[in-house]
Amino acid sequence: MTRKIKIRVAALDDAARLLAIYAYYTEHTAISFEYSPPSIEEFRSRMEKIMTRYPYFVAEDDGNILGYACTHQFIGRAAYDWSAETTIYIAKDSRKRGIGFRLYGAIENISREQGITNLYACIGYPDEEDEYLTMNSADFHAHMGYKLTGKFNKCGYKFGRWYSMAWMEKIIKKHEESTAPITAFPDIDKETLKRCGIDIIE
């Protein structure tokens, strides 16, 4: 019998495992444009800052974290508050298991509850696929309903090669003429989390 992969809220104690997942993408791919992974202290600090306002989820199978996803501030201006940028990373040996769909589904559900209308993904975009960067991320986002909105040509240099970057967008909620401030993620109640596909770990 196949165990159900749980989607739960991340904790700062998860930082070491999440950093290990992310480190692969910084060191061996151009999916991340960072050259090397941050320190554990820096990674925890990034998590902590995000978690004050936005969701940060992990996918877990029998206690083993297989991937994570979050949203974070899109651009630091008040008028952008109803938009958010997404981030997702899946452990190298756990891809092609539908984990990304589960994580993004949870992110989208919670974002709607918060009042977010637009989600954006910043993606490494190859002019020609190579061993460091393929179209997998762009294809995944397209399959999730994201549309290509802009491409920045050869703006990133890594592994001695130039790579482009693209923004993809998904509208997840109707744009109302009058709208309330977004709800910070820590103010979302447990029943709403459950309804949005989040496993509550007591």
Protein backbone atom coordinates (compact mmCIF):
# COMPACT_ATOMS: atom_id res chain seq x y z
CA MET A 1 0.00 0.00 0.00
CA THR A 2 1.42 3.39 -0.98
CA ARG A 3 1.76 5.87 1.87
CA LYS A 4 0.13 9.25 1.46
CA ILE A 5 2.61 12.09 1.09
CA LYS A 6 1.75 14.75 3.66
CA ILE A 7 1.81 18.47 3.00
CA ARG A 8 2.44 20.36 6.24
CA VAL A 9 3.55 23.77 7.41
CA ALA A 10 7.33 24.07 7.53
CA ALA A 11 9.18 24.72 10.78
CA LEU A 12 12.52 26.45 11.26
CA ASP A 13 13.86 23.10 12.47
CA ASP A 14 13.39 21.84 8.88
CA ALA A 15 16.00 24.31 7.62
CA ALA A 16 18.91 21.86 7.38
CA ARG A 17 16.97 19.38 5.25
CA LEU A 18 15.49 22.10 3.03
CA LEU A 19 18.91 23.62 2.55
CA ALA A 20 20.27 20.22 1.52
CA ILE A 21 17.55 19.99 -1.14
CA TYR A 22 18.26 23.52 -2.36
CA ALA A 23 22.04 23.08 -2.33
CA TYR A 24 21.87 20.56 -5.17
CA TYR A 25 20.20 23.14 -7.42
CA THR A 26 22.75 25.84 -6.64
CA GLU A 27 25.79 23.62 -7.07
CA HIS A 28 24.75 21.46 -10.04
CA THR A 29 22.11 23.37 -12.03
CA ALA A 30 21.22 26.78 -13.38
CA ILE A 31 17.70 26.45 -11.97
CA SER A 32 18.95 28.66 -9.16
CA PHE A 33 21.10 31.59 -10.23
CA GLU A 34 22.95 31.53 -6.90
CA TYR A 35 26.46 30.16 -7.34
CA SER A 36 26.63 28.40 -3.97
CA PRO A 37 24.15 27.59 -1.21
CA PRO A 38 23.69 30.02 1.67
CA SER A 39 24.80 29.17 5.18
CA ILE A 40 22.30 27.43 7.44
CA GLU A 41 21.96 30.68 9.40
CA GLU A 42 21.15 32.65 6.24
CA PHE A 43 18.70 30.01 5.04
CA ARG A 44 16.88 29.98 8.39
CA SER A 45 16.76 33.77 8.31
CA ARG A 46 15.17 33.69 4.85
CA MET A 47 12.59 31.17 6.06
CA GLU A 48 11.79 33.18 9.16
CA LYS A 49 11.25 36.38 7.17
CA ILE A 50 8.91 34.64 4.70
CA MET A 51 6.93 32.86 7.41
CA THR A 52 5.87 36.10 9.10
CA ARG A 53 3.44 36.73 6.24
CA TYR A 54 3.42 33.93 3.65
CA PRO A 55 2.93 30.13 3.55
CA TYR A 56 5.94 27.82 3.64
CA PHE A 57 5.08 24.15 3.11
CA VAL A 58 6.99 20.87 3.00
CA ALA A 59 6.05 17.54 1.43
CA GLU A 60 6.82 14.65 3.76
CA ASP A 61 6.75 10.87 3.45
CA ASP A 62 7.13 8.93 6.69
CA GLY A 63 9.08 11.79 8.25
CA ASN A 64 11.36 12.30 5.23
CA ILE A 65 11.07 15.75 3.61
CA LEU A 66 10.87 15.40 -0.18
CA GLY A 67 10.41 19.02 -1.22
CA TYR A 68 9.17 22.44 -0.24
CA ALA A 69 7.32 25.44 -1.62
CA CYS A 70 6.49 28.93 -0.45
CA THR A 71 5.33 32.31 -1.60
CA HIS A 72 7.06 35.54 -0.74
CA GLN A 73 6.94 39.25 -1.46
CA PHE A 74 6.71 40.00 -5.18
CA ILE A 75 8.04 43.56 -5.22
CA GLY A 76 8.46 45.74 -2.16
CA ARG A 77 5.79 48.33 -2.90
CA ALA A 78 2.36 48.56 -1.24
CA ALA A 79 0.35 48.32 -4.47
CA TYR A 80 1.84 44.87 -5.14
CA ASP A 81 0.50 43.39 -1.87
CA TRP A 82 -2.10 41.27 -3.69
CA SER A 83 0.62 39.55 -5.74
CA ALA A 84 3.19 37.04 -4.54
CA GLU A 85 6.19 35.20 -5.97
CA THR A 86 6.38 31.41 -5.74
CA THR A 87 9.34 29.15 -5.00
CA ILE A 88 9.45 25.36 -5.22
CA TYR A 89 12.23 22.77 -4.95
CA ILE A 90 11.89 19.00 -4.98
CA ALA A 91 14.61 16.64 -3.76
CA LYS A 92 16.63 15.32 -6.70
CA ASP A 93 15.58 11.70 -6.11
CA SER A 94 11.91 12.53 -5.48
CA ARG A 95 10.98 14.21 -8.75
CA LYS A 96 8.28 12.86 -11.10
CA ARG A 97 6.08 11.75 -8.18
CA GLY A 98 3.47 14.51 -8.34
CA ILE A 99 4.91 16.28 -5.29
CA GLY A 100 5.17 19.61 -7.08
CA PHE A 101 1.49 19.50 -8.02
CA ARG A 102 0.51 18.81 -4.40
CA LEU A 103 2.68 21.60 -3.04
CA TYR A 104 1.57 24.16 -5.61
CA GLY A 105 -2.06 23.17 -5.13
CA ALA A 106 -1.75 23.90 -1.42
CA ILE A 107 0.07 27.17 -2.09
CA GLU A 108 -2.64 28.34 -4.49
CA ASN A 109 -5.48 27.39 -2.15
CA ILE A 110 -3.95 29.24 0.79
CA SER A 111 -3.03 32.24 -1.35
CA ARG A 112 -6.69 32.62 -2.36
CA GLU A 113 -7.69 32.51 1.30
CA GLN A 114 -5.15 35.25 2.00
CA GLY A 115 -6.65 37.43 -0.74
CA ILE A 116 -3.76 37.04 -3.21
CA THR A 117 -4.88 37.49 -6.82
CA ASN A 118 -1.67 37.04 -8.86
CA LEU A 119 1.11 34.47 -8.48
CA TYR A 120 4.45 34.90 -10.25
CA ALA A 121 7.31 32.49 -10.89
CA CYS A 122 10.82 33.62 -11.84
CA ILE A 123 12.35 30.80 -13.88
CA GLY A 124 15.72 30.04 -15.45
CA TYR A 125 14.89 29.76 -19.14
CA PRO A 126 17.33 28.10 -21.56
CA ASP A 127 17.71 29.27 -25.12
CA GLU A 128 19.03 25.76 -25.70
CA GLU A 129 18.63 22.99 -23.13
CA ASP A 130 21.83 21.63 -21.62
CA GLU A 131 22.97 19.53 -18.66
CA TYR A 132 22.44 22.48 -16.28
CA LEU A 133 19.06 23.81 -17.38
CA THR A 134 16.10 22.35 -19.26
CA MET A 135 12.54 23.49 -19.94
CA ASN A 136 11.19 21.26 -17.15
CA SER A 137 10.42 24.13 -14.79
CA ALA A 138 8.73 26.24 -17.45
CA ASP A 139 6.77 23.20 -18.63
CA PHE A 140 5.68 22.39 -15.06
CA HIS A 141 4.42 25.92 -14.50
CA ALA A 142 2.63 25.91 -17.85
CA HIS A 143 0.93 22.66 -16.87
CA MET A 144 -0.14 24.33 -13.61
CA GLY A 145 -1.79 27.13 -15.60
CA TYR A 146 0.94 29.77 -15.57
CA LYS A 147 1.42 31.94 -18.66
CA LEU A 148 4.70 33.34 -19.95
CA THR A 149 4.62 37.11 -19.44
CA GLY A 150 8.20 38.17 -20.14
CA LYS A 151 11.68 36.93 -20.94
CA PHE A 152 15.00 38.56 -20.03
CA ASN A 153 17.60 37.46 -22.55
CA LYS A 154 20.95 36.07 -21.39
CA CYS A 155 20.79 37.95 -18.09
CA GLY A 156 22.38 35.22 -15.94
CA TYR A 157 25.92 33.83 -16.21
CA LYS A 158 26.70 30.51 -14.56
CA PHE A 159 28.97 27.56 -15.37
CA GLY A 160 30.61 29.69 -18.06
CA ARG A 161 27.36 30.04 -19.99
CA TRP A 162 24.66 32.68 -20.43
CA TYR A 163 21.09 31.86 -19.43
CA SER A 164 17.85 33.73 -19.89
CA MET A 165 15.18 34.24 -17.24
CA ALA A 166 11.42 34.30 -17.64
CA TRP A 167 8.49 35.45 -15.55
CA MET A 168 5.33 33.34 -15.58
CA GLU A 169 2.00 34.44 -14.12
CA LYS A 170 -1.17 32.80 -12.86
CA ILE A 171 -4.32 34.72 -11.89
CA ILE A 172 -5.92 32.75 -9.05
CA LYS A 173 -8.64 35.11 -7.82
CA LYS A 174 -10.99 37.70 -9.33
CA HIS A 175 -9.76 41.28 -9.23
CA GLU A 176 -12.38 43.24 -7.30
CA GLU A 177 -12.84 47.00 -7.61
CA SER A 178 -12.50 47.29 -3.84
CA THR A 179 -10.37 44.80 -1.93
CA ALA A 180 -9.36 44.15 1.67
CA PRO A 181 -5.76 43.86 2.87
CA ILE A 182 -4.31 40.38 2.52
CA THR A 183 -4.44 38.05 5.52
CA ALA A 184 -1.02 37.14 6.90
CA PHE A 185 -0.44 33.39 6.82
CA PRO A 186 -0.01 33.03 10.62
CA ASP A 187 -3.60 34.31 10.97
CA ILE A 188 -5.04 31.45 8.89
CA ASP A 189 -6.91 29.01 11.16
CA LYS A 190 -6.44 25.23 11.25
CA GLU A 191 -9.81 24.45 9.66
CA THR A 192 -8.91 26.59 6.66
CA LEU A 193 -5.52 24.86 6.42
CA LYS A 194 -7.23 21.46 6.39
CA ARG A 195 -9.69 22.60 3.74
CA CYS A 196 -6.77 23.76 1.61
CA GLY A 197 -5.06 20.35 1.73
CA ILE A 198 -2.61 20.93 4.58
CA ASP A 199 -2.02 18.12 7.07
CA ILE A 200 -2.15 19.34 10.65
CA ILE A 201 0.64 17.77 12.70
CA GLU A 202 -0.17 18.05 16.41
